Protein backbone atom coordinates (compact mmCIF):
# COMPACT_ATOMS: atom_id res chain seq x y z
CA MET A 1 -8.93 -7.15 1.58
CA ARG A 2 -7.10 -9.18 -0.81
CA HIS A 3 -3.83 -9.12 -2.43
CA THR A 4 -5.78 -8.62 -5.18
CA GLU A 5 -7.88 -5.81 -4.08
CA PHE A 6 -5.08 -4.15 -2.30
CA TRP A 7 -3.19 -3.76 -5.80
CA ALA A 8 -6.18 -2.62 -7.59
CA ARG A 9 -6.72 0.04 -5.13
CA MET A 10 -2.79 0.60 -5.44
CA GLU A 11 -2.93 0.78 -9.69
CA GLN A 12 -6.08 3.08 -8.99
CA VAL A 13 -4.86 5.70 -6.97
CA LEU A 14 -1.24 6.00 -8.34
CA GLY A 15 -1.28 4.66 -12.21
CA VAL A 16 -0.51 0.94 -13.65
CA ALA A 17 3.09 1.86 -14.33
CA TYR A 18 4.10 3.81 -10.77
CA ALA A 19 2.22 1.58 -7.99
CA ARG A 20 4.49 -1.46 -7.73
CA SER A 21 7.41 0.58 -8.18
CA TRP A 22 6.27 2.91 -5.12
CA ALA A 23 4.91 -0.22 -3.08
CA ASP A 24 8.58 -1.57 -3.54
CA GLN A 25 10.39 1.68 -2.44
CA TYR A 26 8.35 3.53 -0.59
CA VAL A 27 9.24 3.03 3.39
CA MET A 28 6.66 3.39 5.95
CA SER A 29 7.00 3.54 9.87
CA GLU A 30 3.82 2.03 10.39
CA LEU A 31 4.94 -1.05 8.96
CA GLY A 32 8.23 -1.13 10.60
CA GLY A 33 10.34 0.27 8.42
CA ARG A 34 9.19 -1.58 5.38
CA THR A 35 8.00 -0.76 2.09
CA ALA A 36 4.20 -1.92 1.68
CA SER A 37 5.57 -4.98 -0.79
CA GLU A 38 7.90 -6.25 2.03
CA ALA A 39 4.92 -6.19 4.74
CA LEU A 40 2.95 -8.08 2.32
CA ASP A 41 5.70 -10.49 1.76
CA ALA A 42 5.77 -10.63 5.77
CA GLY A 43 2.76 -11.58 6.11
CA VAL A 44 0.80 -8.01 7.34
CA PRO A 45 -2.77 -8.70 6.43
CA PRO A 46 -3.49 -5.91 2.59
CA LYS A 47 -6.14 -4.06 4.67
CA GLN A 48 -3.36 -2.70 7.31
CA VAL A 49 -0.89 -2.02 4.60
CA TRP A 50 -3.43 0.03 2.84
CA ALA A 51 -3.97 1.77 5.75
CA ALA A 52 -0.68 2.70 6.08
CA VAL A 53 -0.45 3.63 2.42
CA TRP A 54 -3.16 5.73 2.89
CA GLN A 55 -2.19 7.59 5.40
CA ALA A 56 1.04 7.77 3.57
CA LEU A 57 -0.37 9.34 0.35
CA ASN A 58 -2.77 11.68 2.34
CA LEU A 59 -5.66 10.40 0.26
CA PRO A 60 -9.08 11.15 0.72
CA PRO A 61 -11.91 9.59 3.25
CA SER A 62 -13.72 8.11 0.23
CA GLU A 63 -10.15 5.93 -0.32
CA ARG A 64 -10.28 4.30 3.40
């Protein structure tokens, strides 16, 4: 997964206006106590970050 696909998925599930804000503010233990944005900036693969987001938002299996 590329960063562009990650952000497209975020915007699809949270909306364009809220996706970046959520990614900048919501801290996840699965990402070492970082937000999605912090994890991506630290070099965590987007696929791994998406898996944490998917779990945090309790999204359906079809969104995995």
